[in-house]
PDB file of N, CA and C in Angstrom:
ATOM      1  N   MET A   1      24.496 -12.002  -8.048  1.00  0.00           N
ATOM      2  CA  MET A   1      23.132 -11.637  -7.929  1.00  0.00           C
ATOM      3  C   MET A   1      22.223 -12.081  -6.618  1.00  0.00           C
ATOM      4  N   ALA A   2      21.972 -10.958  -6.020  1.00  0.00           N
ATOM      5  CA  ALA A   2      20.963 -10.889  -4.535  1.00  0.00           C
ATOM      6  C   ALA A   2      20.008 -11.711  -4.731  1.00  0.00           C
ATOM      7  N   LYS A   3      19.918 -12.488  -3.592  1.00  0.00           N
ATOM      8  CA  LYS A   3      18.703 -13.611  -3.232  1.00  0.00           C
ATOM      9  C   LYS A   3      17.310 -12.713  -2.669  1.00  0.00           C
ATOM     10  N   SER A   4      16.067 -12.948  -3.411  1.00  0.00           N
ATOM     11  CA  SER A   4      15.197 -12.217  -2.962  1.00  0.00           C
ATOM     12  C   SER A   4      14.231 -12.915  -2.099  1.00  0.00           C
ATOM     13  N   THR A   5      13.957 -12.217  -0.893  1.00  0.00           N
ATOM     14  CA  THR A   5      13.111 -12.725   0.258  1.00  0.00           C
ATOM     15  C   THR A   5      11.787 -12.112   0.180  1.00  0.00           C
ATOM     16  N   VAL A   6      10.866 -13.196   0.434  1.00  0.00           N
ATOM     17  CA  VAL A   6       9.268 -12.733   0.790  1.00  0.00           C
ATOM     18  C   VAL A   6       8.891 -13.126   2.109  1.00  0.00           C
ATOM     19  N   PRO A   7       8.758 -11.981   3.025  1.00  0.00           N
ATOM     20  CA  PRO A   7       8.437 -12.265   4.075  1.00  0.00           C
ATOM     21  C   PRO A   7       7.407 -13.071   4.267  1.00  0.00           C
ATOM     22  N   ALA A   8       6.872 -14.091   5.020  1.00  0.00           N
ATOM     23  CA  ALA A   8       5.708 -15.013   5.495  1.00  0.00           C
ATOM     24  C   ALA A   8       4.776 -14.153   5.812  1.00  0.00           C
ATOM     25  N   ASP A   9       4.984 -13.331   6.531  1.00  0.00           N
ATOM     26  CA  ASP A   9       3.847 -13.058   7.212  1.00  0.00           C
ATOM     27  C   ASP A   9       3.226 -11.516   6.393  1.00  0.00           C
ATOM     28  N   LEU A  10       3.537 -11.287   5.080  1.00  0.00           N
ATOM     29  CA  LEU A  10       2.694 -10.142   4.169  1.00  0.00           C
ATOM     30  C   LEU A  10       1.945 -10.953   3.278  1.00  0.00           C
ATOM     31  N   ARG A  11       0.758 -10.364   3.102  1.00  0.00           N
ATOM     32  CA  ARG A  11      -0.252 -10.576   2.078  1.00  0.00           C
ATOM     33  C   ARG A  11       0.018  -9.578   0.861  1.00  0.00           C
ATOM     34  N   TYR A  12       0.072  -9.850  -0.196  1.00  0.00           N
ATOM     35  CA  TYR A  12       0.115  -8.864  -1.448  1.00  0.00           C
ATOM     36  C   TYR A  12      -1.081  -8.875  -2.423  1.00  0.00           C
ATOM     37  N   THR A  13      -1.346  -7.905  -3.014  1.00  0.00           N
ATOM     38  CA  THR A  13      -2.199  -7.500  -4.138  1.00  0.00           C
ATOM     39  C   THR A  13      -1.580  -7.350  -5.365  1.00  0.00           C
ATOM     40  N   LYS A  14      -2.511  -7.600  -6.232  1.00  0.00           N
ATOM     41  CA  LYS A  14      -1.922  -7.129  -7.832  1.00  0.00           C
ATOM     42  C   LYS A  14      -1.398  -5.897  -8.076  1.00  0.00           C
ATOM     43  N   ASP A  15      -1.819  -5.170  -7.196  1.00  0.00           N
ATOM     44  CA  ASP A  15      -1.549  -3.725  -7.536  1.00  0.00           C
ATOM     45  C   ASP A  15      -0.243  -3.142  -6.444  1.00  0.00           C
ATOM     46  N   HIS A  16       0.428  -4.132  -5.952  1.00  0.00           N
ATOM     47  CA  HIS A  16       1.723  -4.084  -5.635  1.00  0.00           C
ATOM     48  C   HIS A  16       1.574  -3.463  -4.181  1.00  0.00           C
ATOM     49  N   GLU A  17       0.297  -3.795  -3.361  1.00  0.00           N
ATOM     50  CA  GLU A  17       0.423  -3.214  -1.839  1.00  0.00           C
ATOM     51  C   GLU A  17       0.512  -4.429  -1.092  1.00  0.00           C
ATOM     52  N   TRP A  18       1.136  -4.408   0.230  1.00  0.00           N
ATOM     53  CA  TRP A  18       0.691  -5.559   0.788  1.00  0.00           C
ATOM     54  C   TRP A  18       0.087  -5.316   2.182  1.00  0.00           C
ATOM     55  N   THR A  19      -0.265  -6.455   3.117  1.00  0.00           N
ATOM     56  CA  THR A  19      -1.044  -5.979   4.359  1.00  0.00           C
ATOM     57  C   THR A  19      -0.176  -6.919   5.354  1.00  0.00           C
ATOM     58  N   LYS A  20      -0.143  -6.505   6.796  1.00  0.00           N
ATOM     59  CA  LYS A  20       0.524  -7.280   7.670  1.00  0.00           C
ATOM     60  C   LYS A  20      -0.591  -7.088   8.827  1.00  0.00           C
ATOM     61  N   ALA A  21      -1.212  -8.308   9.106  1.00  0.00           N
ATOM     62  CA  ALA A  21      -2.207  -8.151  10.402  1.00  0.00           C
ATOM     63  C   ALA A  21      -1.439  -8.639  11.787  1.00  0.00           C
ATOM     64  N   ALA A  22      -1.824  -7.798  13.047  1.00  0.00           N
ATOM     65  CA  ALA A  22      -1.358  -8.027  14.396  1.00  0.00           C
ATOM     66  C   ALA A  22      -2.556  -7.724  14.892  1.00  0.00           C
ATOM     67  N   GLY A  23      -3.080  -8.490  15.598  1.00  0.00           N
ATOM     68  CA  GLY A  23      -4.255  -8.536  16.637  1.00  0.00           C
ATOM     69  C   GLY A  23      -5.356  -8.240  15.649  1.00  0.00           C
ATOM     70  N   ASN A  24      -5.936  -6.998  16.182  1.00  0.00           N
ATOM     71  CA  ASN A  24      -7.102  -6.113  15.224  1.00  0.00           C
ATOM     72  C   ASN A  24      -7.038  -5.252  14.315  1.00  0.00           C
ATOM     73  N   GLU A  25      -5.287  -5.070  14.067  1.00  0.00           N
ATOM     74  CA  GLU A  25      -4.884  -3.863  13.349  1.00  0.00           C
ATOM     75  C   GLU A  25      -4.239  -4.541  12.067  1.00  0.00           C
ATOM     76  N   VAL A  26      -4.195  -3.972  11.150  1.00  0.00           N
ATOM     77  CA  VAL A  26      -3.307  -4.037   9.993  1.00  0.00           C
ATOM     78  C   VAL A  26      -2.522  -2.952   9.257  1.00  0.00           C
ATOM     79  N   THR A  27      -1.587  -3.193   8.802  1.00  0.00           N
ATOM     80  CA  THR A  27      -0.495  -2.228   8.306  1.00  0.00           C
ATOM     81  C   THR A  27      -0.437  -2.415   6.903  1.00  0.00           C
ATOM     82  N   VAL A  28      -0.459  -1.529   6.140  1.00  0.00           N
ATOM     83  CA  VAL A  28      -0.706  -1.343   4.781  1.00  0.00           C
ATOM     84  C   VAL A  28       0.468  -0.775   4.313  1.00  0.00           C
ATOM     85  N   GLY A  29       1.196  -1.356   3.129  1.00  0.00           N
ATOM     86  CA  GLY A  29       2.503  -0.609   2.553  1.00  0.00           C
ATOM     87  C   GLY A  29       2.555  -0.787   1.041  1.00  0.00           C
ATOM     88  N   ILE A  30       3.432  -0.583   0.560  1.00  0.00           N
ATOM     89  CA  ILE A  30       3.447  -0.990  -0.998  1.00  0.00           C
ATOM     90  C   ILE A  30       4.853  -1.603  -1.190  1.00  0.00           C
ATOM     91  N   THR A  31       5.115  -2.284  -2.349  1.00  0.00           N
ATOM     92  CA  THR A  31       6.074  -3.356  -2.439  1.00  0.00           C
ATOM     93  C   THR A  31       7.357  -2.280  -2.910  1.00  0.00           C
ATOM     94  N   ALA A  32       8.409  -3.112  -2.686  1.00  0.00           N
ATOM     95  CA  ALA A  32       9.730  -2.391  -2.989  1.00  0.00           C
ATOM     96  C   ALA A  32       9.681  -2.304  -4.745  1.00  0.00           C
ATOM     97  N   PHE A  33       9.255  -3.214  -5.431  1.00  0.00           N
ATOM     98  CA  PHE A  33       8.756  -3.135  -6.899  1.00  0.00           C
ATOM     99  C   PHE A  33       8.175  -1.929  -7.202  1.00  0.00           C
ATOM    100  N   ALA A  34       6.841  -1.403  -6.593  1.00  0.00           N
ATOM    101  CA  ALA A  34       6.420  -0.215  -6.656  1.00  0.00           C
ATOM    102  C   ALA A  34       7.219   1.056  -6.363  1.00  0.00           C
ATOM    103  N   VAL A  35       7.791   0.829  -5.188  1.00  0.00           N
ATOM    104  CA  VAL A  35       8.845   2.255  -5.023  1.00  0.00           C
ATOM    105  C   VAL A  35       9.970   2.341  -6.061  1.00  0.00           C
ATOM    106  N   GLU A  36      10.453   1.234  -6.482  1.00  0.00           N
ATOM    107  CA  GLU A  36      11.411   1.316  -7.810  1.00  0.00           C
ATOM    108  C   GLU A  36      10.735   1.809  -8.933  1.00  0.00           C
ATOM    109  N   GLN A  37       9.435   1.390  -9.196  1.00  0.00           N
ATOM    110  CA  GLN A  37       8.652   2.004 -10.439  1.00  0.00           C
ATOM    111  C   GLN A  37       8.433   3.577 -10.184  1.00  0.00           C
ATOM    112  N   LEU A  38       8.123   3.901  -9.117  1.00  0.00           N
ATOM    113  CA  LEU A  38       7.672   5.275  -8.883  1.00  0.00           C
ATOM    114  C   LEU A  38       8.622   6.350  -8.835  1.00  0.00           C
ATOM    115  N   GLY A  39       9.962   5.852  -8.448  1.00  0.00           N
ATOM    116  CA  GLY A  39      11.068   6.980  -8.191  1.00  0.00           C
ATOM    117  C   GLY A  39      11.053   7.430  -7.125  1.00  0.00           C
ATOM    118  N   ASP A  40      11.554   8.624  -6.982  1.00  0.00           N
ATOM    119  CA  ASP A  40      11.713   9.304  -5.703  1.00  0.00           C
ATOM    120  C   ASP A  40      10.156   9.861  -5.204  1.00  0.00           C
ATOM    121  N   ILE A  41       9.639   9.266  -4.425  1.00  0.00           N
ATOM    122  CA  ILE A  41       8.337   9.654  -3.564  1.00  0.00           C
ATOM    123  C   ILE A  41       8.139  11.185  -3.048  1.00  0.00           C
ATOM    124  N   THR A  42       7.378  12.046  -3.516  1.00  0.00           N
ATOM    125  CA  THR A  42       7.442  13.454  -2.918  1.00  0.00           C
ATOM    126  C   THR A  42       6.323  13.474  -2.029  1.00  0.00           C
ATOM    127  N   LEU A  43       4.940  12.764  -2.196  1.00  0.00           N
ATOM    128  CA  LEU A  43       4.137  13.150  -1.192  1.00  0.00           C
ATOM    129  C   LEU A  43       3.185  11.608  -1.129  1.00  0.00           C
ATOM    130  N   VAL A  44       2.749  11.390   0.262  1.00  0.00           N
ATOM    131  CA  VAL A  44       1.579  10.440   0.186  1.00  0.00           C
ATOM    132  C   VAL A  44       0.528  10.986   0.932  1.00  0.00           C
ATOM    133  N   ASN A  45      -0.525  10.858   0.133  1.00  0.00           N
ATOM    134  CA  ASN A  45      -2.241  11.581   0.968  1.00  0.00           C
ATOM    135  C   ASN A  45      -2.858  10.710   1.057  1.00  0.00           C
ATOM    136  N   ILE A  46      -3.157  10.229   2.514  1.00  0.00           N
ATOM    137  CA  ILE A  46      -4.429   9.587   2.925  1.00  0.00           C
ATOM    138  C   ILE A  46      -5.371  10.175   3.065  1.00  0.00           C
ATOM    139  N   ASP A  47      -6.689   9.648   2.164  1.00  0.00           N
ATOM    140  CA  ASP A  47      -7.846  10.075   2.239  1.00  0.00           C
ATOM    141  C   ASP A  47      -9.018   9.885   3.302  1.00  0.00           C
ATOM    142  N   VAL A  48      -8.476   9.009   4.198  1.00  0.00           N
ATOM    143  CA  VAL A  48      -9.336   8.580   5.367  1.00  0.00           C
ATOM    144  C   VAL A  48      -8.894   8.901   6.614  1.00  0.00           C
ATOM    145  N   LYS A  49      -9.759   9.105   7.520  1.00  0.00           N
ATOM    146  CA  LYS A  49      -9.287   9.375   8.816  1.00  0.00           C
ATOM    147  C   LYS A  49      -9.548   8.187  10.001  1.00  0.00           C
ATOM    148  N   PRO A  50      -8.784   7.964  11.095  1.00  0.00           N
ATOM    149  CA  PRO A  50      -9.022   6.589  11.577  1.00  0.00           C
ATOM    150  C   PRO A  50     -10.414   6.405  12.284  1.00  0.00           C
ATOM    151  N   GLY A  51     -11.049   5.249  11.896  1.00  0.00           N
ATOM    152  CA  GLY A  51     -12.303   5.142  11.969  1.00  0.00           C
ATOM    153  C   GLY A  51     -13.046   5.235  10.866  1.00  0.00           C
ATOM    154  N   ASP A  52     -12.507   5.847   9.909  1.00  0.00           N
ATOM    155  CA  ASP A  52     -13.394   5.493   8.482  1.00  0.00           C
ATOM    156  C   ASP A  52     -13.457   4.071   8.094  1.00  0.00           C
ATOM    157  N   LEU A  53     -14.379   3.897   7.403  1.00  0.00           N
ATOM    158  CA  LEU A  53     -14.432   2.761   6.731  1.00  0.00           C
ATOM    159  C   LEU A  53     -13.895   2.699   5.153  1.00  0.00           C
ATOM    160  N   ILE A  54     -13.027   1.860   4.940  1.00  0.00           N
ATOM    161  CA  ILE A  54     -12.349   1.613   3.540  1.00  0.00           C
ATOM    162  C   ILE A  54     -13.028   0.309   2.932  1.00  0.00           C
ATOM    163  N   THR A  55     -12.953   0.313   1.561  1.00  0.00           N
ATOM    164  CA  THR A  55     -13.541  -0.979   0.975  1.00  0.00           C
ATOM    165  C   THR A  55     -12.672  -1.306  -0.032  1.00  0.00           C
ATOM    166  N   GLU A  56     -12.600  -2.650   0.076  1.00  0.00           N
ATOM    167  CA  GLU A  56     -11.529  -3.280  -0.684  1.00  0.00           C
ATOM    168  C   GLU A  56     -11.626  -2.873  -2.244  1.00  0.00           C
ATOM    169  N   GLY A  57     -10.543  -2.575  -2.947  1.00  0.00           N
ATOM    170  CA  GLY A  57     -10.577  -2.300  -3.992  1.00  0.00           C
ATOM    171  C   GLY A  57     -10.633  -1.172  -4.549  1.00  0.00           C
ATOM    172  N   LYS A  58     -11.053  -0.247  -3.484  1.00  0.00           N
ATOM    173  CA  LYS A  58     -11.241   1.651  -3.602  1.00  0.00           C
ATOM    174  C   LYS A  58     -10.174   2.318  -3.190  1.00  0.00           C
ATOM    175  N   ALA A  59     -10.032   3.180  -4.220  1.00  0.00           N
ATOM    176  CA  ALA A  59      -9.034   4.077  -3.553  1.00  0.00           C
ATOM    177  C   ALA A  59      -9.099   4.956  -2.007  1.00  0.00           C
ATOM    178  N   PHE A  60      -7.878   4.901  -1.494  1.00  0.00           N
ATOM    179  CA  PHE A  60      -8.143   5.464  -0.109  1.00  0.00           C
ATOM    180  C   PHE A  60      -6.965   6.635   0.004  1.00  0.00           C
ATOM    181  N   GLY A  61      -6.253   6.738  -0.915  1.00  0.00           N
ATOM    182  CA  GLY A  61      -5.351   8.174  -1.181  1.00  0.00           C
ATOM    183  C   GLY A  61      -4.460   7.937  -2.340  1.00  0.00           C
ATOM    184  N   THR A  62      -3.539   8.611  -2.423  1.00  0.00           N
ATOM    185  CA  THR A  62      -2.798   8.627  -3.495  1.00  0.00           C
ATOM    186  C   THR A  62      -1.494   8.871  -3.048  1.00  0.00           C
ATOM    187  N   ILE A  63      -0.409   8.418  -3.773  1.00  0.00           N
ATOM    188  CA  ILE A  63       0.912   8.513  -3.825  1.00  0.00           C
ATOM    189  C   ILE A  63       1.690   9.256  -4.904  1.00  0.00           C
ATOM    190  N   GLU A  64       2.557  10.048  -4.627  1.00  0.00           N
ATOM    191  CA  GLU A  64       3.072  11.076  -6.028  1.00  0.00           C
ATOM    192  C   GLU A  64       4.471  11.011  -5.926  1.00  0.00           C
ATOM    193  N   SER A  65       4.778  10.910  -7.081  1.00  0.00           N
ATOM    194  CA  SER A  65       6.474  10.616  -7.136  1.00  0.00           C
ATOM    195  C   SER A  65       7.102  11.710  -8.286  1.00  0.00           C
ATOM    196  N   VAL A  66       8.494  11.848  -8.733  1.00  0.00           N
ATOM    197  CA  VAL A  66       8.547  12.668  -9.658  1.00  0.00           C
ATOM    198  C   VAL A  66       8.269  12.284 -10.892  1.00  0.00           C
ATOM    199  N   LYS A  67       7.690  10.973 -11.344  1.00  0.00           N
ATOM    200  CA  LYS A  67       7.163  10.498 -12.266  1.00  0.00           C
ATOM    201  C   LYS A  67       5.588  10.329 -12.642  1.00  0.00           C
ATOM    202  N   THR A  68       4.798  10.093 -11.539  1.00  0.00           N
ATOM    203  CA  THR A  68       3.398   9.827 -11.610  1.00  0.00           C
ATOM    204  C   THR A  68       2.569  10.202 -10.363  1.00  0.00           C
ATOM    205  N   LEU A  69       1.525  10.312 -10.648  1.00  0.00           N
ATOM    206  CA  LEU A  69       0.620  10.311  -9.350  1.00  0.00           C
ATOM    207  C   LEU A  69      -0.201   9.138  -9.537  1.00  0.00           C
ATOM    208  N   SER A  70      -0.360   8.159  -8.709  1.00  0.00           N
ATOM    209  CA  SER A  70      -1.112   6.835  -8.417  1.00  0.00           C
ATOM    210  C   SER A  70      -2.205   6.755  -7.325  1.00  0.00           C
ATOM    211  N   ASP A  71      -3.157   5.984  -7.703  1.00  0.00           N
ATOM    212  CA  ASP A  71      -4.104   5.952  -6.528  1.00  0.00           C
ATOM    213  C   ASP A  71      -3.289   4.775  -5.753  1.00  0.00           C
ATOM    214  N   LEU A  72      -3.671   4.685  -4.198  1.00  0.00           N
ATOM    215  CA  LEU A  72      -3.616   3.853  -3.322  1.00  0.00           C
ATOM    216  C   LEU A  72      -4.785   2.888  -3.269  1.00  0.00           C
ATOM    217  N   PHE A  73      -5.101   1.506  -3.422  1.00  0.00           N
ATOM    218  CA  PHE A  73      -5.834   0.911  -3.417  1.00  0.00           C
ATOM    219  C   PHE A  73      -6.286   0.371  -2.167  1.00  0.00           C
ATOM    220  N   ALA A  74      -7.222  -0.131  -1.722  1.00  0.00           N
ATOM    221  CA  ALA A  74      -7.466  -0.613  -0.165  1.00  0.00           C
ATOM    222  C   ALA A  74      -7.308  -2.198  -0.488  1.00  0.00           C
ATOM    223  N   PRO A  75      -6.331  -3.005   0.263  1.00  0.00           N
ATOM    224  CA  PRO A  75      -6.392  -4.399  -0.208  1.00  0.00           C
ATOM    225  C   PRO A  75      -7.292  -5.266   0.798  1.00  0.00           C
ATOM    226  N   LEU A  76      -8.141  -4.681   1.658  1.00  0.00           N
ATOM    227  CA  LEU A  76      -8.898  -5.249   2.355  1.00  0.00           C
ATOM    228  C   LEU A  76     -10.135  -4.142   2.885  1.00  0.00           C
ATOM    229  N   SER A  77     -11.401  -4.611   3.097  1.00  0.00           N
ATOM    230  CA  SER A  77     -12.470  -3.712   3.797  1.00  0.00           C
ATOM    231  C   SER A  77     -12.171  -3.528   5.230  1.00  0.00           C
ATOM    232  N   GLY A  78     -12.449  -2.598   5.972  1.00  0.00           N
ATOM    233  CA  GLY A  78     -12.385  -2.440   7.198  1.00  0.00           C
ATOM    234  C   GLY A  78     -12.373  -0.814   7.859  1.00  0.00           C
ATOM    235  N   LYS A  79     -12.127  -0.772   9.142  1.00  0.00           N
ATOM    236  CA  LYS A  79     -12.103   0.484   9.675  1.00  0.00           C
ATOM    237  C   LYS A  79     -10.799   0.747  10.083  1.00  0.00           C
TER     238      LYS A  79
END
């Protein structure tokens, strides 16, 4: 059985998203589990532009796969 590792520099949400801070910027992604559950991802739509305010817990885009269409929820508030 393969050993799972959790990167120490990532912070996770209950919605299977993660954040990684670097200075004043934060990268947001989805977990390997979420990717596995979605199956083949066909489209990612981000509904905000650079400089727009996002609010923690609110949808800021969608991710579409062959199985479903899911909202992407902001893991934190900011621009």
